Structures are given as structure tokens and as C-alpha cells.
N, C-alpha and C. Protein backbone atom coordinates (compact mmCIF):
# COMPACT_ATOMS: atom_id res chain seq x y z
N MET A 1 9.86 -26.01 4.34
CA MET A 1 9.42 -24.70 4.82
C MET A 1 8.38 -24.13 3.85
N GLU A 2 7.31 -23.60 4.41
CA GLU A 2 6.23 -23.06 3.60
C GLU A 2 6.64 -21.74 2.94
N LYS A 3 6.24 -21.58 1.70
CA LYS A 3 6.57 -20.37 0.94
C LYS A 3 5.79 -19.17 1.49
N THR A 4 6.46 -18.05 1.58
CA THR A 4 5.81 -16.81 2.02
C THR A 4 4.84 -16.35 0.95
N LYS A 5 3.61 -16.07 1.37
CA LYS A 5 2.58 -15.58 0.45
C LYS A 5 2.69 -14.06 0.40
N VAL A 6 2.84 -13.53 -0.82
CA VAL A 6 3.06 -12.10 -1.02
C VAL A 6 2.09 -11.56 -2.06
N ALA A 7 1.66 -10.33 -1.86
CA ALA A 7 0.88 -9.60 -2.86
C ALA A 7 1.49 -8.21 -2.98
N VAL A 8 1.41 -7.65 -4.18
CA VAL A 8 1.91 -6.30 -4.44
C VAL A 8 0.77 -5.49 -5.04
N ARG A 9 0.41 -4.41 -4.36
CA ARG A 9 -0.64 -3.51 -4.83
C ARG A 9 -0.09 -2.09 -4.83
N TYR A 10 -0.60 -1.27 -5.75
CA TYR A 10 -0.11 0.10 -5.86
C TYR A 10 -1.15 0.99 -6.49
N PHE A 11 -0.99 2.29 -6.31
CA PHE A 11 -1.73 3.30 -7.06
C PHE A 11 -0.71 4.27 -7.59
N SER A 12 -0.83 4.59 -8.89
CA SER A 12 0.15 5.47 -9.52
C SER A 12 -0.53 6.29 -10.61
N ARG A 13 -0.50 7.59 -10.47
CA ARG A 13 -1.06 8.48 -11.51
C ARG A 13 -0.06 8.69 -12.64
N SER A 14 1.19 8.84 -12.29
CA SER A 14 2.21 9.21 -13.28
C SER A 14 3.01 8.03 -13.80
N GLY A 15 2.94 6.90 -13.08
CA GLY A 15 3.74 5.73 -13.45
C GLY A 15 4.97 5.54 -12.59
N ASN A 16 5.31 6.52 -11.76
CA ASN A 16 6.50 6.40 -10.92
C ASN A 16 6.37 5.25 -9.92
N THR A 17 5.27 5.20 -9.20
CA THR A 17 5.08 4.15 -8.20
C THR A 17 4.88 2.79 -8.88
N LYS A 18 4.26 2.79 -10.04
CA LYS A 18 4.10 1.54 -10.80
C LYS A 18 5.46 0.93 -11.13
N ARG A 19 6.40 1.76 -11.49
CA ARG A 19 7.75 1.25 -11.81
C ARG A 19 8.36 0.54 -10.61
N LEU A 20 8.20 1.12 -9.42
CA LEU A 20 8.70 0.46 -8.21
C LEU A 20 7.92 -0.83 -7.96
N ALA A 21 6.61 -0.79 -8.12
CA ALA A 21 5.77 -1.97 -7.88
C ALA A 21 6.20 -3.13 -8.78
N ASP A 22 6.46 -2.83 -10.04
CA ASP A 22 6.86 -3.88 -10.97
C ASP A 22 8.19 -4.52 -10.55
N VAL A 23 9.13 -3.72 -10.10
CA VAL A 23 10.44 -4.24 -9.66
C VAL A 23 10.27 -5.08 -8.39
N ILE A 24 9.48 -4.59 -7.45
CA ILE A 24 9.26 -5.32 -6.20
C ILE A 24 8.53 -6.63 -6.48
N ALA A 25 7.55 -6.59 -7.36
CA ALA A 25 6.81 -7.81 -7.70
C ALA A 25 7.73 -8.85 -8.34
N LYS A 26 8.54 -8.42 -9.26
CA LYS A 26 9.45 -9.34 -9.93
C LYS A 26 10.44 -9.95 -8.92
N ALA A 27 10.96 -9.11 -8.03
CA ALA A 27 11.93 -9.59 -7.03
C ALA A 27 11.32 -10.61 -6.08
N THR A 28 10.01 -10.51 -5.85
CA THR A 28 9.34 -11.42 -4.91
C THR A 28 8.60 -12.55 -5.62
N GLY A 29 8.72 -12.60 -6.96
CA GLY A 29 8.08 -13.67 -7.72
C GLY A 29 6.58 -13.50 -7.84
N ASN A 30 6.14 -12.26 -7.91
CA ASN A 30 4.72 -11.95 -7.98
C ASN A 30 4.41 -11.01 -9.13
N ARG A 31 3.17 -10.59 -9.17
CA ARG A 31 2.71 -9.64 -10.18
C ARG A 31 2.17 -8.41 -9.47
N ALA A 32 2.54 -7.25 -9.94
CA ALA A 32 2.01 -6.01 -9.36
C ALA A 32 0.61 -5.76 -9.89
N GLU A 33 -0.29 -5.44 -8.98
CA GLU A 33 -1.68 -5.15 -9.35
C GLU A 33 -2.05 -3.79 -8.78
N GLN A 34 -2.96 -3.11 -9.46
CA GLN A 34 -3.44 -1.84 -8.95
C GLN A 34 -4.32 -2.08 -7.73
N VAL A 35 -4.54 -1.04 -6.95
CA VAL A 35 -5.33 -1.18 -5.73
C VAL A 35 -6.79 -1.53 -6.01
N SER A 36 -7.19 -1.47 -7.24
CA SER A 36 -8.56 -1.88 -7.59
C SER A 36 -8.72 -3.40 -7.53
N VAL A 37 -7.60 -4.13 -7.45
CA VAL A 37 -7.62 -5.59 -7.37
C VAL A 37 -7.54 -5.99 -5.89
N PRO A 38 -8.58 -6.62 -5.37
CA PRO A 38 -8.57 -6.98 -3.94
C PRO A 38 -7.59 -8.10 -3.62
N VAL A 39 -7.24 -8.19 -2.35
CA VAL A 39 -6.48 -9.33 -1.85
C VAL A 39 -7.53 -10.34 -1.43
N ASP A 40 -7.65 -11.43 -2.20
CA ASP A 40 -8.71 -12.40 -1.96
C ASP A 40 -8.36 -13.46 -0.93
N ASN A 41 -7.10 -13.81 -0.85
CA ASN A 41 -6.65 -14.85 0.07
C ASN A 41 -5.64 -14.27 1.04
N TYR A 42 -5.40 -15.00 2.12
CA TYR A 42 -4.43 -14.54 3.11
C TYR A 42 -3.06 -14.37 2.47
N VAL A 43 -2.37 -13.27 2.83
CA VAL A 43 -0.98 -13.05 2.44
C VAL A 43 -0.17 -12.73 3.68
N ASP A 44 1.06 -13.24 3.70
CA ASP A 44 1.97 -12.93 4.80
C ASP A 44 2.44 -11.49 4.72
N ILE A 45 2.71 -11.05 3.49
CA ILE A 45 3.23 -9.69 3.26
C ILE A 45 2.46 -9.05 2.11
N LEU A 46 1.94 -7.86 2.36
CA LEU A 46 1.34 -7.04 1.31
C LEU A 46 2.25 -5.84 1.11
N PHE A 47 2.90 -5.76 -0.05
CA PHE A 47 3.65 -4.56 -0.41
C PHE A 47 2.63 -3.59 -0.98
N LEU A 48 2.52 -2.41 -0.38
CA LEU A 48 1.54 -1.41 -0.79
C LEU A 48 2.26 -0.14 -1.22
N GLY A 49 2.06 0.25 -2.48
CA GLY A 49 2.73 1.42 -3.04
C GLY A 49 1.78 2.57 -3.27
N ALA A 50 2.28 3.76 -2.95
CA ALA A 50 1.48 4.97 -3.10
C ALA A 50 2.40 6.16 -3.31
N SER A 51 1.79 7.29 -3.52
CA SER A 51 2.53 8.53 -3.61
C SER A 51 1.80 9.58 -2.80
N VAL A 52 2.45 10.69 -2.61
CA VAL A 52 1.83 11.81 -1.92
C VAL A 52 1.47 12.84 -2.98
N TYR A 53 0.19 13.18 -3.01
CA TYR A 53 -0.31 14.18 -3.95
C TYR A 53 -0.87 15.35 -3.16
N TRP A 54 -0.33 16.52 -3.34
CA TRP A 54 -0.80 17.72 -2.67
C TRP A 54 -0.88 17.51 -1.16
N GLY A 55 0.12 16.84 -0.62
CA GLY A 55 0.21 16.69 0.82
C GLY A 55 -0.52 15.52 1.43
N GLY A 56 -1.13 14.69 0.61
CA GLY A 56 -1.84 13.54 1.17
C GLY A 56 -1.82 12.35 0.23
N ILE A 57 -2.13 11.19 0.76
CA ILE A 57 -2.23 10.02 -0.10
C ILE A 57 -3.55 10.08 -0.85
N SER A 58 -3.61 9.40 -1.97
CA SER A 58 -4.78 9.47 -2.84
C SER A 58 -6.02 8.86 -2.20
N SER A 59 -7.17 9.31 -2.67
CA SER A 59 -8.43 8.75 -2.19
C SER A 59 -8.54 7.28 -2.57
N GLU A 60 -7.91 6.88 -3.67
CA GLU A 60 -7.93 5.48 -4.09
C GLU A 60 -7.22 4.59 -3.07
N VAL A 61 -6.08 5.04 -2.56
CA VAL A 61 -5.35 4.26 -1.56
C VAL A 61 -6.13 4.25 -0.24
N LYS A 62 -6.69 5.38 0.13
CA LYS A 62 -7.50 5.42 1.36
C LYS A 62 -8.66 4.44 1.26
N ALA A 63 -9.34 4.42 0.11
CA ALA A 63 -10.48 3.51 -0.08
C ALA A 63 -10.00 2.05 -0.06
N TYR A 64 -8.84 1.79 -0.66
CA TYR A 64 -8.31 0.43 -0.68
C TYR A 64 -8.02 -0.07 0.74
N ILE A 65 -7.41 0.77 1.54
CA ILE A 65 -7.10 0.39 2.92
C ILE A 65 -8.38 0.00 3.66
N GLN A 66 -9.47 0.67 3.38
CA GLN A 66 -10.74 0.35 4.04
C GLN A 66 -11.28 -1.03 3.64
N THR A 67 -10.79 -1.59 2.54
CA THR A 67 -11.24 -2.92 2.12
C THR A 67 -10.43 -4.04 2.77
N LEU A 68 -9.31 -3.69 3.38
CA LEU A 68 -8.42 -4.69 3.95
C LEU A 68 -8.91 -5.16 5.32
N GLU A 69 -8.77 -6.44 5.56
CA GLU A 69 -9.15 -7.03 6.85
C GLU A 69 -7.89 -7.51 7.56
N LYS A 70 -7.81 -7.29 8.85
CA LYS A 70 -6.59 -7.64 9.59
C LYS A 70 -6.30 -9.13 9.58
N ASP A 71 -7.31 -9.97 9.42
CA ASP A 71 -7.05 -11.41 9.38
C ASP A 71 -6.65 -11.91 7.99
N GLN A 72 -6.59 -11.01 7.02
CA GLN A 72 -6.15 -11.34 5.65
C GLN A 72 -4.66 -11.15 5.45
N ILE A 73 -4.02 -10.35 6.31
CA ILE A 73 -2.67 -9.87 6.04
C ILE A 73 -1.79 -10.02 7.27
N GLY A 74 -0.63 -10.64 7.08
CA GLY A 74 0.33 -10.71 8.17
C GLY A 74 0.89 -9.35 8.50
N LYS A 75 1.36 -8.65 7.47
CA LYS A 75 1.84 -7.28 7.65
C LYS A 75 1.87 -6.58 6.29
N VAL A 76 1.87 -5.25 6.35
CA VAL A 76 1.96 -4.42 5.16
C VAL A 76 3.32 -3.75 5.15
N VAL A 77 3.96 -3.76 3.99
CA VAL A 77 5.22 -3.06 3.77
C VAL A 77 4.94 -1.97 2.75
N VAL A 78 5.23 -0.73 3.12
CA VAL A 78 4.90 0.42 2.28
C VAL A 78 6.10 0.85 1.45
N PHE A 79 5.82 1.19 0.19
CA PHE A 79 6.81 1.84 -0.68
C PHE A 79 6.14 3.02 -1.33
N SER A 80 6.91 4.09 -1.60
CA SER A 80 6.28 5.29 -2.12
C SER A 80 7.25 6.16 -2.91
N THR A 81 6.63 7.07 -3.68
CA THR A 81 7.35 8.09 -4.42
C THR A 81 6.64 9.43 -4.19
N SER A 82 7.35 10.50 -4.44
CA SER A 82 6.74 11.83 -4.47
C SER A 82 7.74 12.80 -5.07
N ALA A 83 7.21 13.89 -5.58
CA ALA A 83 8.08 14.92 -6.14
C ALA A 83 8.44 15.97 -5.09
N LEU A 84 7.47 16.34 -4.28
CA LEU A 84 7.70 17.42 -3.33
C LEU A 84 7.46 17.03 -1.88
N ALA A 85 6.35 16.41 -1.63
CA ALA A 85 5.92 16.17 -0.26
C ALA A 85 6.69 15.03 0.39
N GLU A 86 6.45 14.86 1.67
CA GLU A 86 7.10 13.79 2.41
C GLU A 86 6.53 12.43 2.01
N ARG A 87 7.12 11.43 2.56
CA ARG A 87 6.73 10.05 2.28
C ARG A 87 5.25 9.80 2.60
N ALA A 88 4.71 8.80 1.93
CA ALA A 88 3.34 8.38 2.19
C ALA A 88 3.26 7.49 3.44
N PHE A 89 4.39 6.96 3.87
CA PHE A 89 4.40 5.96 4.95
C PHE A 89 3.64 6.37 6.21
N PRO A 90 3.90 7.55 6.80
CA PRO A 90 3.22 7.87 8.06
C PRO A 90 1.69 7.88 7.92
N GLN A 91 1.20 8.40 6.80
CA GLN A 91 -0.25 8.45 6.60
C GLN A 91 -0.84 7.06 6.39
N ILE A 92 -0.17 6.24 5.61
CA ILE A 92 -0.65 4.89 5.37
C ILE A 92 -0.57 4.06 6.65
N GLN A 93 0.54 4.18 7.36
CA GLN A 93 0.70 3.43 8.61
C GLN A 93 -0.42 3.75 9.59
N LYS A 94 -0.76 5.00 9.74
CA LYS A 94 -1.83 5.40 10.65
C LYS A 94 -3.15 4.79 10.24
N LYS A 95 -3.48 4.86 8.96
CA LYS A 95 -4.74 4.31 8.48
C LYS A 95 -4.81 2.80 8.68
N LEU A 96 -3.69 2.11 8.45
CA LEU A 96 -3.65 0.67 8.65
C LEU A 96 -3.77 0.32 10.13
N GLN A 97 -3.05 1.04 10.97
CA GLN A 97 -3.11 0.79 12.41
C GLN A 97 -4.52 1.02 12.95
N ASP A 98 -5.21 2.02 12.41
CA ASP A 98 -6.59 2.28 12.82
C ASP A 98 -7.49 1.08 12.51
N ARG A 99 -7.09 0.26 11.54
CA ARG A 99 -7.86 -0.94 11.17
C ARG A 99 -7.29 -2.20 11.83
N GLY A 100 -6.27 -2.02 12.66
CA GLY A 100 -5.68 -3.15 13.36
C GLY A 100 -4.74 -3.98 12.50
N ILE A 101 -4.24 -3.39 11.42
CA ILE A 101 -3.36 -4.11 10.50
C ILE A 101 -1.92 -3.73 10.79
N LYS A 102 -1.08 -4.73 10.97
CA LYS A 102 0.33 -4.53 11.29
C LYS A 102 1.08 -3.97 10.07
N THR A 103 1.95 -2.98 10.34
CA THR A 103 2.81 -2.44 9.29
C THR A 103 4.26 -2.65 9.69
N ASP A 104 5.07 -2.97 8.72
CA ASP A 104 6.50 -3.10 8.96
C ASP A 104 7.07 -1.70 9.12
N SER A 105 7.99 -1.53 10.06
CA SER A 105 8.60 -0.21 10.27
C SER A 105 9.53 0.16 9.13
N ARG A 106 9.97 -0.84 8.37
CA ARG A 106 10.81 -0.56 7.21
C ARG A 106 9.91 -0.15 6.05
N ASN A 107 10.32 0.88 5.32
CA ASN A 107 9.58 1.30 4.14
C ASN A 107 10.57 1.84 3.12
N PHE A 108 10.14 1.88 1.86
CA PHE A 108 11.01 2.34 0.80
C PHE A 108 10.43 3.61 0.19
N TYR A 109 11.30 4.58 -0.06
CA TYR A 109 10.88 5.85 -0.64
C TYR A 109 11.94 6.34 -1.62
N CYS A 110 11.47 6.91 -2.71
CA CYS A 110 12.38 7.63 -3.61
C CYS A 110 11.61 8.76 -4.29
N ARG A 111 12.35 9.70 -4.81
CA ARG A 111 11.74 10.80 -5.54
C ARG A 111 11.14 10.27 -6.84
N GLY A 112 10.08 10.94 -7.28
CA GLY A 112 9.46 10.62 -8.55
C GLY A 112 9.45 11.85 -9.44
N GLU A 113 9.52 11.63 -10.73
CA GLU A 113 9.51 12.75 -11.68
C GLU A 113 8.13 13.39 -11.73
N PHE A 114 8.12 14.71 -11.73
CA PHE A 114 6.89 15.46 -11.89
C PHE A 114 7.23 16.76 -12.60
N ALA A 115 6.61 16.96 -13.76
CA ALA A 115 6.89 18.13 -14.60
C ALA A 115 8.40 18.23 -14.83
N THR A 116 9.02 19.30 -14.38
CA THR A 116 10.47 19.45 -14.60
C THR A 116 11.29 19.03 -13.38
N LEU A 117 10.64 18.56 -12.35
CA LEU A 117 11.34 18.15 -11.13
C LEU A 117 11.78 16.69 -11.20
N HIS A 118 12.97 16.44 -10.75
CA HIS A 118 13.50 15.07 -10.58
C HIS A 118 13.42 14.26 -11.88
N ARG A 119 13.86 14.86 -12.96
CA ARG A 119 13.81 14.17 -14.27
C ARG A 119 14.47 12.81 -14.21
N GLY A 120 13.78 11.83 -14.79
CA GLY A 120 14.32 10.49 -14.88
C GLY A 120 14.16 9.65 -13.62
N ARG A 121 13.52 10.18 -12.60
CA ARG A 121 13.32 9.43 -11.36
C ARG A 121 11.96 8.74 -11.39
N PRO A 122 11.81 7.59 -10.87
CA PRO A 122 12.87 6.78 -10.32
C PRO A 122 13.83 6.32 -11.42
N ASN A 123 15.11 6.41 -11.13
CA ASN A 123 16.14 6.01 -12.09
C ASN A 123 16.58 4.57 -11.79
N GLN A 124 17.57 4.10 -12.52
CA GLN A 124 18.00 2.71 -12.33
C GLN A 124 18.53 2.46 -10.92
N ASP A 125 19.22 3.44 -10.35
CA ASP A 125 19.70 3.28 -8.97
C ASP A 125 18.52 3.12 -8.00
N ASP A 126 17.45 3.90 -8.23
CA ASP A 126 16.26 3.79 -7.39
C ASP A 126 15.62 2.41 -7.54
N LEU A 127 15.52 1.94 -8.77
CA LEU A 127 14.91 0.63 -9.04
C LEU A 127 15.74 -0.50 -8.42
N ASP A 128 17.05 -0.38 -8.54
CA ASP A 128 17.93 -1.37 -7.92
C ASP A 128 17.77 -1.37 -6.40
N ALA A 129 17.64 -0.17 -5.82
CA ALA A 129 17.45 -0.06 -4.37
C ALA A 129 16.11 -0.65 -3.95
N ALA A 130 15.07 -0.47 -4.77
CA ALA A 130 13.75 -1.04 -4.46
C ALA A 130 13.81 -2.57 -4.50
N LYS A 131 14.52 -3.10 -5.47
CA LYS A 131 14.69 -4.55 -5.56
C LYS A 131 15.42 -5.08 -4.32
N LYS A 132 16.49 -4.41 -3.95
CA LYS A 132 17.27 -4.81 -2.78
C LYS A 132 16.40 -4.75 -1.52
N PHE A 133 15.61 -3.71 -1.40
CA PHE A 133 14.70 -3.55 -0.27
C PHE A 133 13.72 -4.73 -0.20
N ALA A 134 13.11 -5.07 -1.32
CA ALA A 134 12.14 -6.17 -1.35
C ALA A 134 12.80 -7.49 -0.95
N LEU A 135 13.99 -7.73 -1.46
CA LEU A 135 14.70 -8.97 -1.13
C LEU A 135 15.06 -9.02 0.35
N GLU A 136 15.44 -7.89 0.93
CA GLU A 136 15.75 -7.85 2.36
C GLU A 136 14.50 -8.11 3.20
N ILE A 137 13.37 -7.59 2.78
CA ILE A 137 12.11 -7.84 3.48
C ILE A 137 11.82 -9.34 3.45
N MET A 138 12.00 -9.96 2.29
CA MET A 138 11.70 -11.37 2.15
C MET A 138 12.68 -12.23 2.99
N GLU A 139 13.92 -11.81 3.09
CA GLU A 139 14.91 -12.56 3.87
C GLU A 139 14.65 -12.47 5.36
N ARG A 140 14.22 -11.28 5.80
CA ARG A 140 13.99 -11.04 7.25
C ARG A 140 12.52 -10.75 7.48
N LYS A 141 11.72 -11.72 7.17
CA LYS A 141 10.26 -11.56 7.30
C LYS A 141 9.90 -11.17 8.71
């Protein structure tokens, strides 16, 4: 059986989403890269991590999505953090769908620390849940 090709990309200002990306990458046998690193070869699954800043996803993630080609990616799986706003998933899913790129309906979200809010998040329970999520995605591609 052919090995599933996976890439992990993320954007993180505070380090919260990076922590999730690192756990997901390790669980899938990959390396987490920032969105400034393109996906050069076809991947079956692209794990894409972002956060919500002031009610929207970052311009860096929006620009990255514009670089993606639908024939490069089997599907995108979104993971995200935020302190206040809702998940990044709906915004990212819409942008990907506008480009004809399939998104998995499953996504991972947890609170992230910001100033005095949600101290210590993502915590070990969050990281363990992110790992479990990644492994479940890989099992049920």
C-alpha cells in the first residue's frame, strides 16, 4: 500500500498554532513548515493551521491559499487556535472551495493564550487532542 503524502503548514504570530502544527507534524511523520514554504509536490493531505485575529484569518494565510492549486492537494484539513473569535475553519474552507480545493469537514480547534486570557493554552490536553485528531485523520483518510 502506498504511503499517504502529507504536508503541514501553519501561520502563527504568538506560537499557539505552531505548537499544534509541531504535534500534528510529529504524529504524521512530517515537519511543520510556515506558510511561506510552498507545497512543491502533490500531497494527499495538507494540514493547514491558522488563527483568527480581530475576526478574520491573517493576510499571510489568505495569500498562501492563493498559491495552492487544486491538482496539488487531495484535501486540506484545518486546525486553528484563537483567544476570542470563532474558529478559522469556515473562512479557510470558503477560500479553499473558491479555488476548487477539497476540505475535510473535520477540523481541530482549541483556545490559545493571549495576554491574560486562556493562560497556558494550548495545554497538554489540547496537544494530546491535536495528536489524536491527526492520527484519526490518517486512519480514515
